[in-house]
């Protein structure tokens, strides 16, 4: 069980880095196209919404170390 949790943690870290790279690439592209601050924020909002949807945490998961009220 501990090994499974470690693998899940490494996978989630990898997804986080991938998502942040995607965010940086999309924001950089939006700035380069000179679409202005609103377009950059819109792209950031889309990327974050996609990432959060992919990595939604079940609030009823008893093994979630980041549940509200618990120390990380």
N, C-alpha and C. Protein backbone atom coordinates (compact mmCIF):
# COMPACT_ATOMS: atom_id res chain seq x y z
N UNK A 1 0.83 -1.19 0.00
CA UNK A 1 0.00 0.00 0.00
C UNK A 1 0.88 1.26 0.00
N UNK A 2 1.94 1.23 0.79
CA UNK A 2 2.85 2.38 0.82
C UNK A 2 3.52 2.59 -0.53
N UNK A 3 3.92 1.51 -1.16
CA UNK A 3 4.55 1.61 -2.49
C UNK A 3 3.57 2.21 -3.49
N UNK A 4 2.30 1.81 -3.42
CA UNK A 4 1.29 2.35 -4.32
C UNK A 4 1.12 3.86 -4.10
N UNK A 5 1.10 4.27 -2.84
CA UNK A 5 0.97 5.69 -2.53
C UNK A 5 2.17 6.48 -3.04
N UNK A 6 3.36 5.91 -2.93
CA UNK A 6 4.55 6.59 -3.45
C UNK A 6 4.47 6.76 -4.96
N UNK A 7 4.03 5.71 -5.64
CA UNK A 7 3.89 5.79 -7.10
C UNK A 7 2.85 6.84 -7.47
N UNK A 8 1.73 6.87 -6.77
CA UNK A 8 0.70 7.87 -7.04
C UNK A 8 1.25 9.27 -6.83
N UNK A 9 2.03 9.46 -5.78
CA UNK A 9 2.61 10.77 -5.49
C UNK A 9 3.56 11.20 -6.62
N UNK A 10 4.40 10.27 -7.07
CA UNK A 10 5.33 10.60 -8.16
C UNK A 10 4.57 10.92 -9.45
N UNK A 11 3.51 10.18 -9.73
CA UNK A 11 2.71 10.45 -10.91
C UNK A 11 2.06 11.83 -10.83
N UNK A 12 1.52 12.17 -9.67
CA UNK A 12 0.88 13.47 -9.50
C UNK A 12 1.90 14.59 -9.62
N UNK A 13 3.11 14.39 -9.08
CA UNK A 13 4.16 15.40 -9.23
C UNK A 13 4.50 15.59 -10.70
N UNK A 14 4.60 14.48 -11.42
CA UNK A 14 4.89 14.56 -12.85
C UNK A 14 3.80 15.30 -13.60
N UNK A 15 2.54 15.05 -13.23
CA UNK A 15 1.42 15.75 -13.86
C UNK A 15 1.47 17.24 -13.54
N UNK A 16 1.83 17.57 -12.32
CA UNK A 16 1.92 18.98 -11.93
C UNK A 16 2.96 19.70 -12.78
N UNK A 17 4.16 19.10 -12.93
CA UNK A 17 5.20 19.73 -13.74
C UNK A 17 4.76 19.85 -15.19
N UNK A 18 4.11 18.82 -15.72
CA UNK A 18 3.62 18.87 -17.09
C UNK A 18 2.59 19.99 -17.25
N UNK A 19 1.66 20.10 -16.29
CA UNK A 19 0.63 21.13 -16.37
C UNK A 19 1.22 22.53 -16.26
N UNK A 20 2.21 22.69 -15.39
CA UNK A 20 2.84 24.00 -15.26
C UNK A 20 3.62 24.37 -16.53
N UNK A 21 4.27 23.39 -17.16
CA UNK A 21 4.96 23.65 -18.42
C UNK A 21 3.96 24.07 -19.49
N UNK A 22 2.82 23.41 -19.52
CA UNK A 22 1.77 23.76 -20.48
C UNK A 22 1.25 25.16 -20.21
N UNK A 23 1.05 25.50 -18.95
CA UNK A 23 0.60 26.85 -18.59
C UNK A 23 1.60 27.89 -19.06
N UNK A 24 2.88 27.66 -18.77
CA UNK A 24 3.91 28.62 -19.20
C UNK A 24 3.93 28.77 -20.71
N UNK A 25 3.82 27.67 -21.43
CA UNK A 25 3.86 27.72 -22.89
C UNK A 25 2.67 28.49 -23.44
N UNK A 26 1.49 28.25 -22.89
CA UNK A 26 0.30 28.93 -23.38
C UNK A 26 0.31 30.41 -23.04
N UNK A 27 0.77 30.75 -21.85
CA UNK A 27 0.85 32.17 -21.47
C UNK A 27 1.90 32.89 -22.32
N UNK A 28 3.04 32.24 -22.53
CA UNK A 28 4.08 32.84 -23.36
C UNK A 28 3.57 33.07 -24.78
N UNK A 29 2.85 32.10 -25.33
CA UNK A 29 2.29 32.24 -26.68
C UNK A 29 1.27 33.38 -26.74
N UNK A 30 0.44 33.50 -25.70
CA UNK A 30 -0.56 34.58 -25.67
C UNK A 30 0.11 35.94 -25.59
N UNK A 31 1.15 36.04 -24.79
CA UNK A 31 1.88 37.32 -24.67
C UNK A 31 2.57 37.64 -25.99
N UNK A 32 3.17 36.63 -26.62
CA UNK A 32 3.87 36.85 -27.88
C UNK A 32 2.90 37.32 -28.96
N UNK A 33 1.67 36.85 -28.92
CA UNK A 33 0.67 37.28 -29.91
C UNK A 33 0.10 38.65 -29.55
N UNK A 34 0.55 39.22 -28.47
CA UNK A 34 0.12 40.55 -28.01
C UNK A 34 -1.39 40.65 -27.88
N UNK A 35 -1.97 39.65 -27.26
CA UNK A 35 -3.42 39.66 -27.08
C UNK A 35 -3.83 40.43 -25.83
N UNK A 36 -2.87 40.85 -25.08
CA UNK A 36 -3.18 41.65 -23.91
C UNK A 36 -3.37 40.82 -22.65
N UNK A 37 -3.51 41.53 -21.56
CA UNK A 37 -3.60 40.91 -20.24
C UNK A 37 -4.85 40.03 -20.13
N UNK A 38 -5.95 40.46 -20.68
CA UNK A 38 -7.19 39.70 -20.58
C UNK A 38 -7.06 38.32 -21.23
N UNK A 39 -6.42 38.26 -22.38
CA UNK A 39 -6.24 36.98 -23.07
C UNK A 39 -5.31 36.06 -22.28
N UNK A 40 -4.26 36.65 -21.69
CA UNK A 40 -3.33 35.85 -20.89
C UNK A 40 -4.05 35.26 -19.69
N UNK A 41 -4.84 36.07 -19.01
CA UNK A 41 -5.57 35.57 -17.85
C UNK A 41 -6.63 34.54 -18.26
N UNK A 42 -7.22 34.74 -19.41
CA UNK A 42 -8.19 33.77 -19.91
C UNK A 42 -7.55 32.42 -20.18
N UNK A 43 -6.36 32.43 -20.81
CA UNK A 43 -5.63 31.19 -21.07
C UNK A 43 -5.23 30.52 -19.76
N UNK A 44 -4.75 31.32 -18.82
CA UNK A 44 -4.35 30.77 -17.51
C UNK A 44 -5.55 30.13 -16.82
N UNK A 45 -6.70 30.77 -16.91
CA UNK A 45 -7.91 30.23 -16.30
C UNK A 45 -8.30 28.90 -16.95
N UNK A 46 -8.22 28.81 -18.27
CA UNK A 46 -8.54 27.56 -18.96
C UNK A 46 -7.60 26.43 -18.56
N UNK A 47 -6.29 26.72 -18.52
CA UNK A 47 -5.31 25.69 -18.17
C UNK A 47 -5.52 25.22 -16.73
N UNK A 48 -5.73 26.15 -15.83
CA UNK A 48 -5.94 25.77 -14.43
C UNK A 48 -7.23 24.97 -14.26
N UNK A 49 -8.29 25.37 -14.95
CA UNK A 49 -9.54 24.61 -14.86
C UNK A 49 -9.36 23.20 -15.38
N UNK A 50 -8.64 23.05 -16.50
CA UNK A 50 -8.38 21.72 -17.06
C UNK A 50 -7.56 20.88 -16.07
N UNK A 51 -6.53 21.49 -15.50
CA UNK A 51 -5.67 20.75 -14.57
C UNK A 51 -6.43 20.35 -13.31
N UNK A 52 -7.24 21.24 -12.80
CA UNK A 52 -8.01 20.92 -11.60
C UNK A 52 -9.05 19.84 -11.88
N UNK A 53 -9.64 19.88 -13.06
CA UNK A 53 -10.62 18.86 -13.42
C UNK A 53 -9.95 17.49 -13.53
N UNK A 54 -8.73 17.45 -14.08
CA UNK A 54 -8.00 16.19 -14.22
C UNK A 54 -7.56 15.63 -12.88
N UNK A 55 -7.23 16.50 -11.95
CA UNK A 55 -6.64 16.09 -10.69
C UNK A 55 -7.57 16.33 -9.51
N UNK A 56 -8.87 16.25 -9.79
CA UNK A 56 -9.85 16.48 -8.73
C UNK A 56 -9.64 15.44 -7.63
N UNK A 57 -9.63 15.92 -6.43
CA UNK A 57 -9.44 15.04 -5.27
C UNK A 57 -10.80 14.74 -4.66
N UNK A 58 -11.01 13.48 -4.38
CA UNK A 58 -12.26 13.06 -3.76
C UNK A 58 -12.27 13.55 -2.31
N UNK A 59 -13.21 14.42 -1.94
CA UNK A 59 -13.24 14.95 -0.56
C UNK A 59 -13.53 13.87 0.47
N UNK A 60 -14.01 12.71 0.04
CA UNK A 60 -14.32 11.63 0.98
C UNK A 60 -13.20 10.60 1.06
N UNK A 61 -12.06 10.86 0.41
CA UNK A 61 -10.95 9.92 0.42
C UNK A 61 -10.25 9.98 1.78
N UNK A 62 -10.32 8.90 2.56
CA UNK A 62 -9.70 8.93 3.90
C UNK A 62 -8.17 8.92 3.85
N UNK A 63 -7.58 8.64 2.67
CA UNK A 63 -6.13 8.59 2.55
C UNK A 63 -5.53 9.87 1.98
N UNK A 64 -6.36 10.87 1.74
CA UNK A 64 -5.87 12.14 1.21
C UNK A 64 -5.13 12.90 2.30
N UNK A 65 -3.80 13.12 2.12
CA UNK A 65 -3.03 13.80 3.17
C UNK A 65 -3.31 15.30 3.25
N UNK A 66 -4.04 15.85 2.29
CA UNK A 66 -4.27 17.29 2.26
C UNK A 66 -5.71 17.67 2.56
N UNK A 67 -6.42 16.81 3.26
CA UNK A 67 -7.79 17.15 3.59
C UNK A 67 -7.79 18.32 4.56
N UNK A 68 -8.85 19.09 4.48
CA UNK A 68 -9.00 20.28 5.33
C UNK A 68 -8.89 19.89 6.80
N UNK A 69 -8.13 20.69 7.51
CA UNK A 69 -7.99 20.47 8.94
C UNK A 69 -6.80 19.63 9.32
N UNK A 70 -6.11 19.06 8.34
CA UNK A 70 -4.96 18.24 8.62
C UNK A 70 -3.69 18.97 8.20
N UNK A 71 -2.61 18.75 8.91
CA UNK A 71 -1.34 19.37 8.54
C UNK A 71 -0.74 18.62 7.37
N UNK A 72 -0.11 19.38 6.46
CA UNK A 72 0.53 18.75 5.30
C UNK A 72 1.92 18.30 5.63
